[in-house]
């Protein structure tokens, strides 16, 4: 079942009009030119690295990768006349740009917040999603805000902006960093941590059975982008062109509503 976030839809950052206008061209021509122009890992294929699972952005369902990010990159690959290949990679390597530097993939799609530090190592697409941070607690918890975490155990995903926010603001909390949500959520389920601080849409997915609730949300002015090699400016421009086309033809809104509208 598609993930449905029970909260007001977060606004999509409007992508500025771009000077490139070739997105409506013939698919076969795009495929013929894409390899050498984009310097792809595998000719004719857009290879994408993603840290899976991270519901609702990327996860596996019925043997296939799906989610908000996955659906968007499928559209991007199709628009460029390319096949899509997805590689599951650790978020540390994705966030640092290591997977791109190692030529493991052409593009990273993993709910990656655009930061100045990351922009020094990687090129980014235009923003495609605005995110909030949030605090997840058991439904019967006495933790009502970040101020109540003094002396408590707080779980975060390592190498994320959520971890940075927690270390800057969760005064007195004992912070435990986990590799991904696949380890983080079981930690609060088992009582190894008292609360989890991470991206709001992911935490919302953990409230559906009523055992957990969102205690607090934090506006951190974060936006997600797709990461690519800084020197592969042709690919960055082409991805931005596809995002603009998706916004204009309604495909972006269709995908957004699938995952974030009640």
C-alpha atoms as a PDB file:
ATOM      1  CA  UNK A   1       0.000   0.000   0.000  1.00  0.00           C
ATOM      2  CA  UNK A   2       1.329   3.489  -0.800  1.00  0.00           C
ATOM      3  CA  UNK A   3       2.440   5.501   2.177  1.00  0.00           C
ATOM      4  CA  UNK A   4      -0.050   8.243   3.033  1.00  0.00           C
ATOM      5  CA  UNK A   5       1.129  11.056   5.254  1.00  0.00           C
ATOM      6  CA  UNK A   6      -1.535  12.294   7.611  1.00  0.00           C
ATOM      7  CA  UNK A   7      -0.443  15.892   7.604  1.00  0.00           C
ATOM      8  CA  UNK A   8      -0.789  18.968   5.459  1.00  0.00           C
ATOM      9  CA  UNK A   9       1.126  18.600   2.211  1.00  0.00           C
ATOM     10  CA  UNK A  10       4.493  20.334   2.278  1.00  0.00           C
ATOM     11  CA  UNK A  11       4.964  22.885  -0.444  1.00  0.00           C
ATOM     12  CA  UNK A  12       7.041  21.968  -3.476  1.00  0.00           C
ATOM     13  CA  UNK A  13       9.746  24.535  -4.122  1.00  0.00           C
ATOM     14  CA  UNK A  14       9.002  26.084  -7.495  1.00  0.00           C
ATOM     15  CA  UNK A  15      11.736  25.254  -9.955  1.00  0.00           C
ATOM     16  CA  UNK A  16      12.766  28.251 -11.996  1.00  0.00           C
ATOM     17  CA  UNK A  17      12.353  28.286 -15.732  1.00  0.00           C
ATOM     18  CA  UNK A  18      15.396  26.842 -17.435  1.00  0.00           C
ATOM     19  CA  UNK A  19      16.936  27.818 -20.721  1.00  0.00           C
ATOM     20  CA  UNK A  20      17.124  24.207 -21.971  1.00  0.00           C
ATOM     21  CA  UNK A  21      14.092  23.255 -24.066  1.00  0.00           C
ATOM     22  CA  UNK A  22      14.862  19.851 -25.551  1.00  0.00           C
ATOM     23  CA  UNK A  23      12.964  17.689 -23.051  1.00  0.00           C
ATOM     24  CA  UNK A  24      10.234  16.864 -25.538  1.00  0.00           C
ATOM     25  CA  UNK A  25      12.583  15.303 -28.073  1.00  0.00           C
ATOM     26  CA  UNK A  26      12.592  11.815 -29.495  1.00  0.00           C
ATOM     27  CA  UNK A  27      13.460   9.161 -26.877  1.00  0.00           C
ATOM     28  CA  UNK A  28      15.706   7.194 -29.215  1.00  0.00           C
ATOM     29  CA  UNK A  29      17.734  10.277 -30.025  1.00  0.00           C
ATOM     30  CA  UNK A  30      18.077  11.054 -26.316  1.00  0.00           C
ATOM     31  CA  UNK A  31      19.304   7.522 -25.679  1.00  0.00           C
ATOM     32  CA  UNK A  32      21.855   7.736 -28.480  1.00  0.00           C
ATOM     33  CA  UNK A  33      23.327  10.966 -27.119  1.00  0.00           C
ATOM     34  CA  UNK A  34      22.987  10.378 -23.374  1.00  0.00           C
ATOM     35  CA  UNK A  35      25.956   8.078 -22.833  1.00  0.00           C
ATOM     36  CA  UNK A  36      28.816  10.285 -23.990  1.00  0.00           C
ATOM     37  CA  UNK A  37      27.099  13.566 -23.070  1.00  0.00           C
ATOM     38  CA  UNK A  38      26.344  12.553 -19.490  1.00  0.00           C
ATOM     39  CA  UNK A  39      29.407  10.332 -18.944  1.00  0.00           C
ATOM     40  CA  UNK A  40      27.225   7.613 -17.470  1.00  0.00           C
ATOM     41  CA  UNK A  41      28.467   4.667 -15.406  1.00  0.00           C
ATOM     42  CA  UNK A  42      26.705   2.356 -17.845  1.00  0.00           C
ATOM     43  CA  UNK A  43      25.827   3.593 -21.313  1.00  0.00           C
ATOM     44  CA  UNK A  44      22.099   3.928 -21.866  1.00  0.00           C
ATOM     45  CA  UNK A  45      21.315   3.561 -18.139  1.00  0.00           C
ATOM     46  CA  UNK A  46      20.809   6.049 -15.325  1.00  0.00           C
ATOM     47  CA  UNK A  47      22.353   4.331 -12.303  1.00  0.00           C
ATOM     48  CA  UNK A  48      20.886   5.619  -9.032  1.00  0.00           C
ATOM     49  CA  UNK A  49      22.198   5.072  -5.501  1.00  0.00           C
ATOM     50  CA  UNK A  50      19.691   5.111  -2.639  1.00  0.00           C
ATOM     51  CA  UNK A  51      19.625   4.074   1.021  1.00  0.00           C
ATOM     52  CA  UNK A  52      16.691   1.656   1.161  1.00  0.00           C
ATOM     53  CA  UNK A  53      14.327   1.467   3.013  1.00  0.00           C
ATOM     54  CA  UNK A  54      13.357   5.029   3.897  1.00  0.00           C
ATOM     55  CA  UNK A  55       9.575   5.108   3.626  1.00  0.00           C
ATOM     56  CA  UNK A  56       7.909   6.942   1.914  1.00  0.00           C
ATOM     57  CA  UNK A  57      10.831   8.086  -0.223  1.00  0.00           C
ATOM     58  CA  UNK A  58      12.429   4.784  -1.173  1.00  0.00           C
ATOM     59  CA  UNK A  59      11.488   1.236  -0.238  1.00  0.00           C
ATOM     60  CA  UNK A  60      10.924  -2.174  -1.751  1.00  0.00           C
ATOM     61  CA  UNK A  61       7.451  -3.488  -2.489  1.00  0.00           C
ATOM     62  CA  UNK A  62       6.594  -6.674  -4.370  1.00  0.00           C
ATOM     63  CA  UNK A  63      10.211  -7.066  -5.391  1.00  0.00           C
ATOM     64  CA  UNK A  64      10.483  -3.583  -6.907  1.00  0.00           C
ATOM     65  CA  UNK A  65      11.888  -0.302  -5.646  1.00  0.00           C
ATOM     66  CA  UNK A  66       9.222   2.332  -5.171  1.00  0.00           C
ATOM     67  CA  UNK A  67       8.554   5.517  -3.197  1.00  0.00           C
ATOM     68  CA  UNK A  68       8.443   9.250  -3.851  1.00  0.00           C
ATOM     69  CA  UNK A  69      12.096   9.557  -4.877  1.00  0.00           C
ATOM     70  CA  UNK A  70      12.011   6.345  -6.903  1.00  0.00           C
ATOM     71  CA  UNK A  71       8.925   7.392  -8.873  1.00  0.00           C
ATOM     72  CA  UNK A  72      10.504  10.733  -9.709  1.00  0.00           C
ATOM     73  CA  UNK A  73      13.805   9.249 -10.908  1.00  0.00           C
ATOM     74  CA  UNK A  74      11.856   6.720 -13.000  1.00  0.00           C
ATOM     75  CA  UNK A  75      10.222   9.658 -14.763  1.00  0.00           C
ATOM     76  CA  UNK A  76      13.570  11.419 -15.149  1.00  0.00           C
ATOM     77  CA  UNK A  77      15.211   8.355 -16.669  1.00  0.00           C
ATOM     78  CA  UNK A  78      12.280   7.846 -19.024  1.00  0.00           C
ATOM     79  CA  UNK A  79      12.359  11.489 -20.078  1.00  0.00           C
ATOM     80  CA  UNK A  80      16.050  11.172 -20.906  1.00  0.00           C
ATOM     81  CA  UNK A  81      15.482   7.985 -22.881  1.00  0.00           C
ATOM     82  CA  UNK A  82      17.468   5.924 -20.384  1.00  0.00           C
ATOM     83  CA  UNK A  83      16.946   2.679 -18.523  1.00  0.00           C
ATOM     84  CA  UNK A  84      16.953   2.915 -14.717  1.00  0.00           C
ATOM     85  CA  UNK A  85      19.159   0.845 -12.407  1.00  0.00           C
ATOM     86  CA  UNK A  86      18.986   1.267  -8.615  1.00  0.00           C
ATOM     87  CA  UNK A  87      21.769   0.357  -6.198  1.00  0.00           C
ATOM     88  CA  UNK A  88      21.147   0.132  -2.453  1.00  0.00           C
ATOM     89  CA  UNK A  89      23.949   2.069  -0.733  1.00  0.00           C
ATOM     90  CA  UNK A  90      24.646   3.297   2.803  1.00  0.00           C
ATOM     91  CA  UNK A  91      23.601   6.866   3.532  1.00  0.00           C
ATOM     92  CA  UNK A  92      27.056   7.828   4.802  1.00  0.00           C
ATOM     93  CA  UNK A  93      28.533   7.161   1.368  1.00  0.00           C
ATOM     94  CA  UNK A  94      25.633   8.934  -0.304  1.00  0.00           C
ATOM     95  CA  UNK A  95      25.731  12.032   1.916  1.00  0.00           C
ATOM     96  CA  UNK A  96      29.501  12.393   1.611  1.00  0.00           C
ATOM     97  CA  UNK A  97      29.530  11.916  -2.151  1.00  0.00           C
ATOM     98  CA  UNK A  98      31.760   8.842  -1.897  1.00  0.00           C
ATOM     99  CA  UNK A  99      29.487   6.696  -4.071  1.00  0.00           C
ATOM    100  CA  UNK A 100      29.606   9.304  -6.824  1.00  0.00           C
ATOM    101  CA  UNK A 101      33.358   9.775  -6.556  1.00  0.00           C
ATOM    102  CA  UNK A 102      33.821   6.011  -6.791  1.00  0.00           C
ATOM    103  CA  UNK A 103      31.772   5.978 -10.006  1.00  0.00           C
ATOM    104  CA  UNK A 104      29.258   3.660  -8.356  1.00  0.00           C
ATOM    105  CA  UNK A 105      26.314   5.642  -9.670  1.00  0.00           C
ATOM    106  CA  UNK A 106      25.355   8.657 -11.752  1.00  0.00           C
ATOM    107  CA  UNK A 107      22.844  10.131  -9.330  1.00  0.00           C
ATOM    108  CA  UNK A 108      21.961   9.738  -5.655  1.00  0.00           C
ATOM    109  CA  UNK A 109      18.273   9.851  -4.709  1.00  0.00           C
ATOM    110  CA  UNK A 110      17.842   9.308  -0.989  1.00  0.00           C
ATOM    111  CA  UNK A 111      15.952  12.199   0.645  1.00  0.00           C
ATOM    112  CA  UNK A 112      19.213  14.165   0.651  1.00  0.00           C
ATOM    113  CA  UNK A 113      19.023  17.615   2.212  1.00  0.00           C
ATOM    114  CA  UNK A 114      20.985  20.209   0.252  1.00  0.00           C
ATOM    115  CA  UNK A 115      23.609  21.754   2.540  1.00  0.00           C
ATOM    116  CA  UNK A 116      26.604  23.996   1.892  1.00  0.00           C
ATOM    117  CA  UNK A 117      28.958  21.266   3.057  1.00  0.00           C
ATOM    118  CA  UNK A 118      27.454  18.703   0.705  1.00  0.00           C
ATOM    119  CA  UNK A 119      27.507  21.177  -2.176  1.00  0.00           C
ATOM    120  CA  UNK A 120      31.267  21.364  -1.807  1.00  0.00           C
ATOM    121  CA  UNK A 121      31.498  17.663  -2.667  1.00  0.00           C
ATOM    122  CA  UNK A 122      28.590  17.188  -5.067  1.00  0.00           C
ATOM    123  CA  UNK A 123      26.412  18.917  -7.609  1.00  0.00           C
ATOM    124  CA  UNK A 124      22.695  19.112  -6.792  1.00  0.00           C
ATOM    125  CA  UNK A 125      19.520  19.361  -8.771  1.00  0.00           C
ATOM    126  CA  UNK A 126      17.011  22.069  -8.048  1.00  0.00           C
ATOM    127  CA  UNK A 127      15.128  21.368  -4.801  1.00  0.00           C
ATOM    128  CA  UNK A 128      12.217  18.987  -5.268  1.00  0.00           C
ATOM    129  CA  UNK A 129      10.855  18.632  -1.712  1.00  0.00           C
ATOM    130  CA  UNK A 130      10.705  20.686   1.506  1.00  0.00           C
ATOM    131  CA  UNK A 131      11.035  18.726   4.743  1.00  0.00           C
ATOM    132  CA  UNK A 132      10.549  19.240   8.465  1.00  0.00           C
ATOM    133  CA  UNK A 133      12.260  17.420  11.315  1.00  0.00           C
ATOM    134  CA  UNK A 134      10.129  15.761  14.001  1.00  0.00           C
ATOM    135  CA  UNK A 135      10.191  13.955  17.327  1.00  0.00           C
ATOM    136  CA  UNK A 136       8.608  10.484  17.494  1.00  0.00           C
ATOM    137  CA  UNK A 137       7.691   9.044  20.897  1.00  0.00           C
ATOM    138  CA  UNK A 138       5.557   6.192  22.240  1.00  0.00           C
ATOM    139  CA  UNK A 139       1.901   7.157  22.521  1.00  0.00           C
ATOM    140  CA  UNK A 140       2.043   6.961  26.331  1.00  0.00           C
ATOM    141  CA  UNK A 141       5.349   8.850  26.665  1.00  0.00           C
ATOM    142  CA  UNK A 142       5.762  11.801  28.998  1.00  0.00           C
ATOM    143  CA  UNK A 143       8.054  13.428  26.403  1.00  0.00           C
ATOM    144  CA  UNK A 144       6.093  16.303  24.883  1.00  0.00           C
ATOM    145  CA  UNK A 145       8.882  18.438  23.443  1.00  0.00           C
ATOM    146  CA  UNK A 146      12.623  18.518  22.837  1.00  0.00           C
ATOM    147  CA  UNK A 147      13.033  20.160  26.257  1.00  0.00           C
ATOM    148  CA  UNK A 148      11.850  16.919  27.878  1.00  0.00           C
ATOM    149  CA  UNK A 149      14.764  14.889  26.476  1.00  0.00           C
ATOM    150  CA  UNK A 150      17.193  15.779  29.272  1.00  0.00           C
ATOM    151  CA  UNK A 151      18.437  12.442  30.621  1.00  0.00           C
ATOM    152  CA  UNK A 152      16.585  10.505  27.910  1.00  0.00           C
ATOM    153  CA  UNK A 153      17.926   8.298  25.105  1.00  0.00           C
ATOM    154  CA  UNK A 154      17.387   9.827  21.679  1.00  0.00           C
ATOM    155  CA  UNK A 155      17.775   7.907  18.421  1.00  0.00           C
ATOM    156  CA  UNK A 156      18.819   9.535  15.144  1.00  0.00           C
ATOM    157  CA  UNK A 157      20.048   8.403  11.760  1.00  0.00           C
ATOM    158  CA  UNK A 158      23.774   9.020  11.499  1.00  0.00           C
ATOM    159  CA  UNK A 159      25.230  11.578   9.079  1.00  0.00           C
ATOM    160  CA  UNK A 160      21.896  13.329   8.606  1.00  0.00           C
ATOM    161  CA  UNK A 161      20.630  16.840   9.228  1.00  0.00           C
ATOM    162  CA  UNK A 162      18.355  15.273  11.847  1.00  0.00           C
ATOM    163  CA  UNK A 163      21.420  14.158  13.792  1.00  0.00           C
ATOM    164  CA  UNK A 164      22.906  17.648  13.509  1.00  0.00           C
ATOM    165  CA  UNK A 165      19.689  19.223  14.745  1.00  0.00           C
ATOM    166  CA  UNK A 166      19.496  16.806  17.671  1.00  0.00           C
ATOM    167  CA  UNK A 167      23.077  17.449  18.763  1.00  0.00           C
ATOM    168  CA  UNK A 168      22.515  21.203  18.577  1.00  0.00           C
ATOM    169  CA  UNK A 169      19.152  21.297  20.328  1.00  0.00           C
ATOM    170  CA  UNK A 170      18.465  18.182  22.419  1.00  0.00           C
ATOM    171  CA  UNK A 171      20.217  19.426  25.545  1.00  0.00           C
ATOM    172  CA  UNK A 172      21.027  16.677  28.040  1.00  0.00           C
ATOM    173  CA  UNK A 173      19.899  13.826  25.816  1.00  0.00           C
ATOM    174  CA  UNK A 174      22.056  10.759  25.255  1.00  0.00           C
ATOM    175  CA  UNK A 175      22.147  10.482  21.479  1.00  0.00           C
ATOM    176  CA  UNK A 176      22.463   7.170  19.643  1.00  0.00           C
ATOM    177  CA  UNK A 177      23.132   7.222  15.892  1.00  0.00           C
ATOM    178  CA  UNK A 178      21.890   4.332  13.746  1.00  0.00           C
ATOM    179  CA  UNK A 179      22.792   3.564  10.112  1.00  0.00           C
ATOM    180  CA  UNK A 180      19.229   3.894   8.799  1.00  0.00           C
ATOM    181  CA  UNK A 181      15.565   3.894   9.726  1.00  0.00           C
ATOM    182  CA  UNK A 182      15.638   0.110   9.385  1.00  0.00           C
ATOM    183  CA  UNK A 183      17.602   0.022  12.667  1.00  0.00           C
ATOM    184  CA  UNK A 184      16.291   3.255  14.160  1.00  0.00           C
ATOM    185  CA  UNK A 185      12.592   2.414  14.378  1.00  0.00           C
ATOM    186  CA  UNK A 186      13.164  -1.033  15.954  1.00  0.00           C
ATOM    187  CA  UNK A 187      15.289   0.746  18.586  1.00  0.00           C
ATOM    188  CA  UNK A 188      12.313   2.753  19.817  1.00  0.00           C
ATOM    189  CA  UNK A 189       9.995  -0.254  19.460  1.00  0.00           C
ATOM    190  CA  UNK A 190      12.249  -2.281  21.763  1.00  0.00           C
ATOM    191  CA  UNK A 191      12.712   0.581  24.243  1.00  0.00           C
ATOM    192  CA  UNK A 192      16.418   0.993  23.537  1.00  0.00           C
ATOM    193  CA  UNK A 193      15.735   4.671  22.893  1.00  0.00           C
ATOM    194  CA  UNK A 194      12.990   6.885  24.303  1.00  0.00           C
ATOM    195  CA  UNK A 195      12.424   8.997  21.200  1.00  0.00           C
ATOM    196  CA  UNK A 196      13.478   9.339  17.564  1.00  0.00           C
ATOM    197  CA  UNK A 197      14.316  12.611  15.821  1.00  0.00           C
ATOM    198  CA  UNK A 198      14.256  12.455  12.027  1.00  0.00           C
ATOM    199  CA  UNK A 199      12.406  13.675   8.911  1.00  0.00           C
ATOM    200  CA  UNK A 200       8.691  14.191   9.483  1.00  0.00           C
ATOM    201  CA  UNK A 201       7.300  12.038   6.626  1.00  0.00           C
ATOM    202  CA  UNK A 202       9.319   9.039   7.779  1.00  0.00           C
ATOM    203  CA  UNK A 203       8.235   9.407  11.402  1.00  0.00           C
ATOM    204  CA  UNK A 204       4.606   9.852  10.337  1.00  0.00           C
ATOM    205  CA  UNK A 205       4.748   6.431   8.749  1.00  0.00           C
ATOM    206  CA  UNK A 206       5.498   4.972  12.175  1.00  0.00           C
ATOM    207  CA  UNK A 207       2.341   6.398  13.761  1.00  0.00           C
ATOM    208  CA  UNK A 208      -0.164   4.454  11.686  1.00  0.00           C
ATOM    209  CA  UNK A 209      -0.830   1.694  14.243  1.00  0.00           C
ATOM    210  CA  UNK A 210      -1.370   4.171  17.088  1.00  0.00           C
ATOM    211  CA  UNK A 211       1.543   2.947  19.213  1.00  0.00           C
ATOM    212  CA  UNK A 212       3.656   6.028  18.447  1.00  0.00           C
ATOM    213  CA  UNK A 213       2.915   9.709  17.952  1.00  0.00           C
ATOM    214  CA  UNK A 214       4.628  12.883  16.758  1.00  0.00           C
ATOM    215  CA  UNK A 215       5.411  14.968  19.849  1.00  0.00           C
ATOM    216  CA  UNK A 216       6.831  17.961  18.009  1.00  0.00           C
ATOM    217  CA  UNK A 217       7.761  19.260  14.551  1.00  0.00           C
ATOM    218  CA  UNK A 218      10.708  21.523  13.696  1.00  0.00           C
ATOM    219  CA  UNK A 219      10.975  23.934  10.789  1.00  0.00           C
ATOM    220  CA  UNK A 220      14.590  23.724   9.658  1.00  0.00           C
ATOM    221  CA  UNK A 221      14.333  25.193   6.137  1.00  0.00           C
ATOM    222  CA  UNK A 222      15.520  21.948   4.585  1.00  0.00           C
ATOM    223  CA  UNK A 223      15.059  21.011   0.944  1.00  0.00           C
ATOM    224  CA  UNK A 224      15.913  17.742  -0.799  1.00  0.00           C
ATOM    225  CA  UNK A 225      17.865  17.508  -4.021  1.00  0.00           C
ATOM    226  CA  UNK A 226      19.256  14.781  -6.270  1.00  0.00           C
ATOM    227  CA  UNK A 227      23.052  14.602  -6.013  1.00  0.00           C
ATOM    228  CA  UNK A 228      25.412  14.168  -8.972  1.00  0.00           C
ATOM    229  CA  UNK A 229      29.073  14.644  -9.844  1.00  0.00           C
ATOM    230  CA  UNK A 230      29.819  18.379  -9.732  1.00  0.00           C
ATOM    231  CA  UNK A 231      31.630  18.162 -13.049  1.00  0.00           C
ATOM    232  CA  UNK A 232      28.737  16.429 -14.810  1.00  0.00           C
ATOM    233  CA  UNK A 233      26.974  19.718 -15.497  1.00  0.00           C
ATOM    234  CA  UNK A 234      25.166  18.262 -18.515  1.00  0.00           C
ATOM    235  CA  UNK A 235      23.427  15.692 -16.334  1.00  0.00           C
ATOM    236  CA  UNK A 236      22.577  18.241 -13.627  1.00  0.00           C
ATOM    237  CA  UNK A 237      21.004  20.517 -16.252  1.00  0.00           C
ATOM    238  CA  UNK A 238      19.108  17.645 -17.867  1.00  0.00           C
ATOM    239  CA  UNK A 239      17.724  16.475 -14.500  1.00  0.00           C
ATOM    240  CA  UNK A 240      16.582  20.014 -13.728  1.00  0.00           C
ATOM    241  CA  UNK A 241      14.939  20.166 -17.130  1.00  0.00           C
ATOM    242  CA  UNK A 242      13.023  16.977 -16.401  1.00  0.00           C
ATOM    243  CA  UNK A 243      11.919  18.281 -12.983  1.00  0.00           C
ATOM    244  CA  UNK A 244      10.606  21.420 -14.654  1.00  0.00           C
ATOM    245  CA  UNK A 245       8.776  19.350 -17.261  1.00  0.00           C
ATOM    246  CA  UNK A 246       7.207  17.204 -14.513  1.00  0.00           C
ATOM    247  CA  UNK A 247       6.054  20.295 -12.684  1.00  0.00           C
ATOM    248  CA  UNK A 248       4.557  21.780 -15.833  1.00  0.00           C
ATOM    249  CA  UNK A 249       2.764  18.653 -17.059  1.00  0.00           C
ATOM    250  CA  UNK A 250       1.331  17.713 -13.649  1.00  0.00           C
ATOM    251  CA  UNK A 251       3.337  14.511 -13.198  1.00  0.00           C
ATOM    252  CA  UNK A 252       5.154  15.832 -10.119  1.00  0.00           C
ATOM    253  CA  UNK A 253       1.862  16.693  -8.418  1.00  0.00           C
ATOM    254  CA  UNK A 254       0.480  13.269  -9.297  1.00  0.00           C
ATOM    255  CA  UNK A 255       3.432  11.535  -7.630  1.00  0.00           C
ATOM    256  CA  UNK A 256       3.342  13.921  -4.670  1.00  0.00           C
ATOM    257  CA  UNK A 257      -0.359  13.250  -4.067  1.00  0.00           C
ATOM    258  CA  UNK A 258       0.261   9.496  -4.209  1.00  0.00           C
ATOM    259  CA  UNK A 259       2.522   9.641  -1.158  1.00  0.00           C
ATOM    260  CA  UNK A 260       1.613  12.784   0.787  1.00  0.00           C
ATOM    261  CA  UNK A 261      -2.100  13.463   0.375  1.00  0.00           C
ATOM    262  CA  UNK A 262      -4.707  11.909   2.625  1.00  0.00           C
END
